[in-house]
C-alpha atoms as a PDB file:
ATOM      1  CA  UNK A   1      91.158  36.272  38.532  1.00  0.00           C
ATOM      2  CA  UNK A   2      92.031  39.838  38.640  1.00  0.00           C
ATOM      3  CA  UNK A   3      95.060  38.882  40.822  1.00  0.00           C
ATOM      4  CA  UNK A   4      97.812  39.483  37.858  1.00  0.00           C
ATOM      5  CA  UNK A   5      96.121  42.758  36.875  1.00  0.00           C
ATOM      6  CA  UNK A   6      96.259  44.079  40.477  1.00  0.00           C
ATOM      7  CA  UNK A   7      99.723  42.690  40.824  1.00  0.00           C
ATOM      8  CA  UNK A   8     100.820  44.456  37.543  1.00  0.00           C
ATOM      9  CA  UNK A   9      99.135  47.736  38.716  1.00  0.00           C
ATOM     10  CA  UNK A  10     100.272  47.810  42.243  1.00  0.00           C
ATOM     11  CA  UNK A  11     103.232  45.514  42.937  1.00  0.00           C
ATOM     12  CA  UNK A  12     105.325  45.391  39.890  1.00  0.00           C
ATOM     13  CA  UNK A  13     107.061  48.784  40.362  1.00  0.00           C
ATOM     14  CA  UNK A  14     109.188  46.800  42.900  1.00  0.00           C
ATOM     15  CA  UNK A  15     108.409  43.103  42.669  1.00  0.00           C
ATOM     16  CA  UNK A  16     108.458  40.566  39.967  1.00  0.00           C
ATOM     17  CA  UNK A  17     106.654  37.363  39.314  1.00  0.00           C
ATOM     18  CA  UNK A  18     109.019  35.080  37.624  1.00  0.00           C
ATOM     19  CA  UNK A  19     110.828  38.264  36.021  1.00  0.00           C
ATOM     20  CA  UNK A  20     107.857  39.935  34.637  1.00  0.00           C
ATOM     21  CA  UNK A  21     105.082  42.194  35.801  1.00  0.00           C
ATOM     22  CA  UNK A  22     102.313  39.491  36.339  1.00  0.00           C
ATOM     23  CA  UNK A  23     100.862  39.724  32.930  1.00  0.00           C
ATOM     24  CA  UNK A  24     103.945  38.349  31.065  1.00  0.00           C
ATOM     25  CA  UNK A  25     105.848  41.619  30.291  1.00  0.00           C
ATOM     26  CA  UNK A  26     109.402  41.425  31.169  1.00  0.00           C
ATOM     27  CA  UNK A  27     110.554  44.428  33.117  1.00  0.00           C
ATOM     28  CA  UNK A  28     114.282  45.793  33.351  1.00  0.00           C
ATOM     29  CA  UNK A  29     116.512  43.759  35.828  1.00  0.00           C
ATOM     30  CA  UNK A  30     118.078  46.715  37.287  1.00  0.00           C
ATOM     31  CA  UNK A  31     114.534  48.194  38.141  1.00  0.00           C
ATOM     32  CA  UNK A  32     113.760  45.329  40.491  1.00  0.00           C
ATOM     33  CA  UNK A  33     114.019  46.518  44.006  1.00  0.00           C
ATOM     34  CA  UNK A  34     112.116  43.755  46.161  1.00  0.00           C
ATOM     35  CA  UNK A  35     111.596  40.039  46.017  1.00  0.00           C
ATOM     36  CA  UNK A  36     110.284  38.036  43.058  1.00  0.00           C
ATOM     37  CA  UNK A  37     107.024  36.633  44.391  1.00  0.00           C
ATOM     38  CA  UNK A  38     106.575  33.711  42.059  1.00  0.00           C
ATOM     39  CA  UNK A  39     106.182  30.628  44.190  1.00  0.00           C
ATOM     40  CA  UNK A  40     106.370  32.894  47.415  1.00  0.00           C
ATOM     41  CA  UNK A  41     106.385  30.778  50.609  1.00  0.00           C
ATOM     42  CA  UNK A  42     106.756  27.589  48.639  1.00  0.00           C
ATOM     43  CA  UNK A  43     109.768  25.346  49.600  1.00  0.00           C
ATOM     44  CA  UNK A  44     111.755  26.418  46.565  1.00  0.00           C
ATOM     45  CA  UNK A  45     111.256  29.937  47.340  1.00  0.00           C
ATOM     46  CA  UNK A  46     111.989  29.609  51.204  1.00  0.00           C
ATOM     47  CA  UNK A  47     115.284  27.581  50.224  1.00  0.00           C
ATOM     48  CA  UNK A  48     116.836  30.336  48.291  1.00  0.00           C
ATOM     49  CA  UNK A  49     115.567  33.073  50.670  1.00  0.00           C
ATOM     50  CA  UNK A  50     117.470  31.220  53.603  1.00  0.00           C
ATOM     51  CA  UNK A  51     120.736  31.117  51.570  1.00  0.00           C
ATOM     52  CA  UNK A  52     123.251  33.780  52.481  1.00  0.00           C
ATOM     53  CA  UNK A  53     124.123  34.458  48.974  1.00  0.00           C
ATOM     54  CA  UNK A  54     120.687  34.281  47.306  1.00  0.00           C
ATOM     55  CA  UNK A  55     119.037  36.526  49.919  1.00  0.00           C
ATOM     56  CA  UNK A  56     121.319  39.271  48.733  1.00  0.00           C
ATOM     57  CA  UNK A  57     120.491  38.834  45.012  1.00  0.00           C
ATOM     58  CA  UNK A  58     117.803  40.664  43.034  1.00  0.00           C
ATOM     59  CA  UNK A  59     115.549  37.615  43.676  1.00  0.00           C
ATOM     60  CA  UNK A  60     115.019  38.587  47.233  1.00  0.00           C
ATOM     61  CA  UNK A  61     116.599  41.606  49.104  1.00  0.00           C
ATOM     62  CA  UNK A  62     119.135  42.713  46.788  1.00  0.00           C
ATOM     63  CA  UNK A  63     117.389  45.894  46.214  1.00  0.00           C
ATOM     64  CA  UNK A  64     116.272  46.680  49.587  1.00  0.00           C
ATOM     65  CA  UNK A  65     117.820  48.206  52.791  1.00  0.00           C
ATOM     66  CA  UNK A  66     117.546  44.606  54.324  1.00  0.00           C
ATOM     67  CA  UNK A  67     120.698  43.651  52.756  1.00  0.00           C
ATOM     68  CA  UNK A  68     122.238  45.365  55.739  1.00  0.00           C
ATOM     69  CA  UNK A  69     119.767  43.943  58.259  1.00  0.00           C
ATOM     70  CA  UNK A  70     119.887  41.377  61.054  1.00  0.00           C
ATOM     71  CA  UNK A  71     118.632  38.483  58.985  1.00  0.00           C
ATOM     72  CA  UNK A  72     121.151  38.728  56.132  1.00  0.00           C
ATOM     73  CA  UNK A  73     123.911  39.121  58.560  1.00  0.00           C
ATOM     74  CA  UNK A  74     122.733  36.035  60.463  1.00  0.00           C
ATOM     75  CA  UNK A  75     122.715  33.935  57.280  1.00  0.00           C
ATOM     76  CA  UNK A  76     126.058  34.943  56.475  1.00  0.00           C
ATOM     77  CA  UNK A  77     127.373  34.184  59.999  1.00  0.00           C
ATOM     78  CA  UNK A  78     125.507  30.767  59.985  1.00  0.00           C
ATOM     79  CA  UNK A  79     126.346  28.992  56.781  1.00  0.00           C
ATOM     80  CA  UNK A  80     125.659  25.204  57.239  1.00  0.00           C
ATOM     81  CA  UNK A  81     128.873  23.388  56.560  1.00  0.00           C
ATOM     82  CA  UNK A  82     128.355  19.929  58.046  1.00  0.00           C
ATOM     83  CA  UNK A  83     125.710  17.266  56.855  1.00  0.00           C
ATOM     84  CA  UNK A  84     123.867  17.742  60.196  1.00  0.00           C
ATOM     85  CA  UNK A  85     123.864  21.603  59.664  1.00  0.00           C
ATOM     86  CA  UNK A  86     122.615  21.259  56.163  1.00  0.00           C
ATOM     87  CA  UNK A  87     119.937  18.758  57.202  1.00  0.00           C
ATOM     88  CA  UNK A  88     118.840  21.199  60.041  1.00  0.00           C
ATOM     89  CA  UNK A  89     118.588  24.131  57.649  1.00  0.00           C
ATOM     90  CA  UNK A  90     116.478  21.948  55.206  1.00  0.00           C
ATOM     91  CA  UNK A  91     114.225  20.928  58.007  1.00  0.00           C
ATOM     92  CA  UNK A  92     113.656  24.731  58.565  1.00  0.00           C
ATOM     93  CA  UNK A  93     112.819  25.236  55.202  1.00  0.00           C
ATOM     94  CA  UNK A  94     110.311  22.667  55.177  1.00  0.00           C
ATOM     95  CA  UNK A  95     108.832  23.844  58.520  1.00  0.00           C
ATOM     96  CA  UNK A  96     108.705  27.479  57.604  1.00  0.00           C
ATOM     97  CA  UNK A  97     107.065  26.777  54.313  1.00  0.00           C
ATOM     98  CA  UNK A  98     104.427  24.404  55.865  1.00  0.00           C
ATOM     99  CA  UNK A  99     103.482  27.526  58.011  1.00  0.00           C
ATOM    100  CA  UNK A 100     101.841  28.729  54.707  1.00  0.00           C
ATOM    101  CA  UNK A 101      99.442  26.019  54.232  1.00  0.00           C
ATOM    102  CA  UNK A 102      99.695  26.013  50.551  1.00  0.00           C
ATOM    103  CA  UNK A 103      97.340  23.531  48.970  1.00  0.00           C
ATOM    104  CA  UNK A 104      99.897  22.935  46.124  1.00  0.00           C
ATOM    105  CA  UNK A 105     102.269  21.229  48.545  1.00  0.00           C
ATOM    106  CA  UNK A 106     100.046  19.708  51.204  1.00  0.00           C
ATOM    107  CA  UNK A 107     100.824  16.069  50.178  1.00  0.00           C
ATOM    108  CA  UNK A 108     104.533  16.863  50.582  1.00  0.00           C
ATOM    109  CA  UNK A 109     103.888  18.488  53.985  1.00  0.00           C
ATOM    110  CA  UNK A 110     102.134  15.352  55.075  1.00  0.00           C
ATOM    111  CA  UNK A 111     104.608  13.107  53.830  1.00  0.00           C
ATOM    112  CA  UNK A 112     107.419  15.286  55.460  1.00  0.00           C
ATOM    113  CA  UNK A 113     105.710  15.770  58.848  1.00  0.00           C
ATOM    114  CA  UNK A 114     108.746  14.197  60.974  1.00  0.00           C
ATOM    115  CA  UNK A 115     111.146  16.724  59.304  1.00  0.00           C
ATOM    116  CA  UNK A 116     108.752  19.464  59.874  1.00  0.00           C
ATOM    117  CA  UNK A 117     108.496  18.567  63.418  1.00  0.00           C
ATOM    118  CA  UNK A 118     112.239  18.809  63.579  1.00  0.00           C
ATOM    119  CA  UNK A 119     112.341  22.126  61.963  1.00  0.00           C
ATOM    120  CA  UNK A 120     109.534  23.473  64.385  1.00  0.00           C
ATOM    121  CA  UNK A 121     111.891  22.509  67.185  1.00  0.00           C
ATOM    122  CA  UNK A 122     114.640  24.628  65.849  1.00  0.00           C
ATOM    123  CA  UNK A 123     112.290  27.278  65.161  1.00  0.00           C
ATOM    124  CA  UNK A 124     110.948  27.530  68.655  1.00  0.00           C
ATOM    125  CA  UNK A 125     114.565  27.571  70.100  1.00  0.00           C
ATOM    126  CA  UNK A 126     115.279  30.891  71.714  1.00  0.00           C
ATOM    127  CA  UNK A 127     118.980  30.337  72.262  1.00  0.00           C
ATOM    128  CA  UNK A 128     120.068  29.520  68.563  1.00  0.00           C
ATOM    129  CA  UNK A 129     116.781  28.944  66.702  1.00  0.00           C
ATOM    130  CA  UNK A 130     114.556  31.333  64.849  1.00  0.00           C
ATOM    131  CA  UNK A 131     112.772  32.479  68.135  1.00  0.00           C
ATOM    132  CA  UNK A 132     116.283  33.928  69.107  1.00  0.00           C
ATOM    133  CA  UNK A 133     115.066  36.909  67.193  1.00  0.00           C
ATOM    134  CA  UNK A 134     111.423  36.265  65.680  1.00  0.00           C
ATOM    135  CA  UNK A 135     108.201  35.809  67.417  1.00  0.00           C
ATOM    136  CA  UNK A 136     106.999  32.185  66.869  1.00  0.00           C
ATOM    137  CA  UNK A 137     104.067  30.661  68.382  1.00  0.00           C
ATOM    138  CA  UNK A 138     104.481  31.148  72.221  1.00  0.00           C
ATOM    139  CA  UNK A 139     107.987  32.030  72.112  1.00  0.00           C
ATOM    140  CA  UNK A 140     110.238  35.031  70.930  1.00  0.00           C
ATOM    141  CA  UNK A 141     109.352  38.625  70.949  1.00  0.00           C
ATOM    142  CA  UNK A 142     110.506  40.328  67.701  1.00  0.00           C
ATOM    143  CA  UNK A 143     109.187  40.828  64.075  1.00  0.00           C
ATOM    144  CA  UNK A 144     108.206  39.694  61.405  1.00  0.00           C
ATOM    145  CA  UNK A 145     106.213  37.046  63.377  1.00  0.00           C
ATOM    146  CA  UNK A 146     106.678  33.587  61.937  1.00  0.00           C
ATOM    147  CA  UNK A 147     103.592  32.143  63.238  1.00  0.00           C
ATOM    148  CA  UNK A 148     101.425  31.298  60.031  1.00  0.00           C
ATOM    149  CA  UNK A 149     104.212  32.793  58.127  1.00  0.00           C
ATOM    150  CA  UNK A 150     102.954  32.994  54.193  1.00  0.00           C
ATOM    151  CA  UNK A 151      99.581  31.797  55.153  1.00  0.00           C
ATOM    152  CA  UNK A 152      96.538  33.403  53.326  1.00  0.00           C
ATOM    153  CA  UNK A 153      95.608  35.296  56.537  1.00  0.00           C
ATOM    154  CA  UNK A 154      99.330  36.342  57.217  1.00  0.00           C
ATOM    155  CA  UNK A 155      99.719  37.513  53.582  1.00  0.00           C
ATOM    156  CA  UNK A 156      96.487  39.541  53.577  1.00  0.00           C
ATOM    157  CA  UNK A 157      97.321  41.096  56.907  1.00  0.00           C
ATOM    158  CA  UNK A 158     100.861  41.992  55.721  1.00  0.00           C
ATOM    159  CA  UNK A 159      99.793  43.631  52.457  1.00  0.00           C
ATOM    160  CA  UNK A 160      97.104  45.563  54.412  1.00  0.00           C
ATOM    161  CA  UNK A 161      99.862  47.057  56.765  1.00  0.00           C
ATOM    162  CA  UNK A 162     103.455  45.990  56.363  1.00  0.00           C
ATOM    163  CA  UNK A 163     104.319  48.529  59.176  1.00  0.00           C
ATOM    164  CA  UNK A 164     102.284  46.708  61.853  1.00  0.00           C
ATOM    165  CA  UNK A 165     104.402  45.680  64.646  1.00  0.00           C
ATOM    166  CA  UNK A 166     103.708  42.061  63.807  1.00  0.00           C
ATOM    167  CA  UNK A 167     105.669  42.653  60.311  1.00  0.00           C
ATOM    168  CA  UNK A 168     108.449  45.107  59.558  1.00  0.00           C
ATOM    169  CA  UNK A 169     107.189  47.690  61.962  1.00  0.00           C
ATOM    170  CA  UNK A 170     109.638  50.916  61.554  1.00  0.00           C
ATOM    171  CA  UNK A 171     112.007  48.665  59.544  1.00  0.00           C
ATOM    172  CA  UNK A 172     109.612  48.574  56.647  1.00  0.00           C
ATOM    173  CA  UNK A 173     111.230  49.527  53.259  1.00  0.00           C
ATOM    174  CA  UNK A 174     108.941  51.307  50.972  1.00  0.00           C
ATOM    175  CA  UNK A 175     106.134  48.799  51.159  1.00  0.00           C
ATOM    176  CA  UNK A 176     102.906  50.789  51.047  1.00  0.00           C
ATOM    177  CA  UNK A 177     100.154  49.936  53.527  1.00  0.00           C
ATOM    178  CA  UNK A 178      97.648  48.979  50.753  1.00  0.00           C
ATOM    179  CA  UNK A 179      94.730  48.268  53.036  1.00  0.00           C
ATOM    180  CA  UNK A 180      95.244  51.020  55.723  1.00  0.00           C
ATOM    181  CA  UNK A 181      95.763  53.570  53.085  1.00  0.00           C
ATOM    182  CA  UNK A 182      92.681  52.363  51.072  1.00  0.00           C
ATOM    183  CA  UNK A 183      94.514  51.990  47.934  1.00  0.00           C
ATOM    184  CA  UNK A 184      93.202  48.455  47.554  1.00  0.00           C
ATOM    185  CA  UNK A 185      90.110  46.997  49.054  1.00  0.00           C
ATOM    186  CA  UNK A 186      89.993  43.786  51.026  1.00  0.00           C
ATOM    187  CA  UNK A 187      88.516  41.940  48.145  1.00  0.00           C
ATOM    188  CA  UNK A 188      91.295  43.167  45.937  1.00  0.00           C
ATOM    189  CA  UNK A 189      94.215  42.182  48.453  1.00  0.00           C
ATOM    190  CA  UNK A 190      92.492  38.880  48.744  1.00  0.00           C
ATOM    191  CA  UNK A 191      92.663  38.522  44.948  1.00  0.00           C
ATOM    192  CA  UNK A 192      96.326  39.154  44.916  1.00  0.00           C
ATOM    193  CA  UNK A 193      97.114  36.802  47.605  1.00  0.00           C
ATOM    194  CA  UNK A 194      94.952  33.908  46.081  1.00  0.00           C
ATOM    195  CA  UNK A 195      96.655  34.350  42.777  1.00  0.00           C
ATOM    196  CA  UNK A 196      99.964  34.307  44.388  1.00  0.00           C
ATOM    197  CA  UNK A 197      99.095  31.150  46.233  1.00  0.00           C
ATOM    198  CA  UNK A 198      97.776  29.614  43.043  1.00  0.00           C
ATOM    199  CA  UNK A 199      94.451  29.159  44.891  1.00  0.00           C
ATOM    200  CA  UNK A 200      92.071  31.455  43.041  1.00  0.00           C
ATOM    201  CA  UNK A 201      88.403  29.788  41.964  1.00  0.00           C
ATOM    202  CA  UNK A 202      87.727  29.700  38.435  1.00  0.00           C
ATOM    203  CA  UNK A 203      84.279  31.043  37.395  1.00  0.00           C
ATOM    204  CA  UNK A 204      81.847  28.281  36.768  1.00  0.00           C
ATOM    205  CA  UNK A 205      81.224  27.418  33.137  1.00  0.00           C
ATOM    206  CA  UNK A 206      77.748  27.996  31.570  1.00  0.00           C
ATOM    207  CA  UNK A 207      76.311  25.369  29.427  1.00  0.00           C
ATOM    208  CA  UNK A 208      74.920  26.382  26.179  1.00  0.00           C
END
């Protein structure tokens, strides 16, 4: 796949992939200014993203303007303390990650369907859940929209135009609109997305 090469050329000036540029070349830690995208949308990634301390680290938003935003502030004000609160947060982790429909964790998503359903109920709550701020399914109004969050379609649309009202809108922080600006083709954007999702197709081998 051309995914890692395209990532190195177009994304690694801000993002990292497990600390490197996508091709295995480490880059200075102090030059990281956006999230590390290894395992993006997987449970492990979402779990650290929804942690009040970790979201402010270089792994996520530590180098962005979003450290002063509503999301980071909400996490700081709603750190789970009781076992029930911790279980609810984990249910949301599972539910949000399941929106991505990652092939690599489809078995886990099926196994944890009850916890995911509980997480979805919290996400849809407009009084204290995610839909208090975010649009999700048929509730909520604000962005970034969480319906299909991290899915192939969502990622392609986001890379195409992160300034779209569905995503960051005017709160976008330096992320180029690669598709809208024609700096990457639709095919190239899809290659990056499929590589990040570990879902690229290997070319068929030719028998000799």
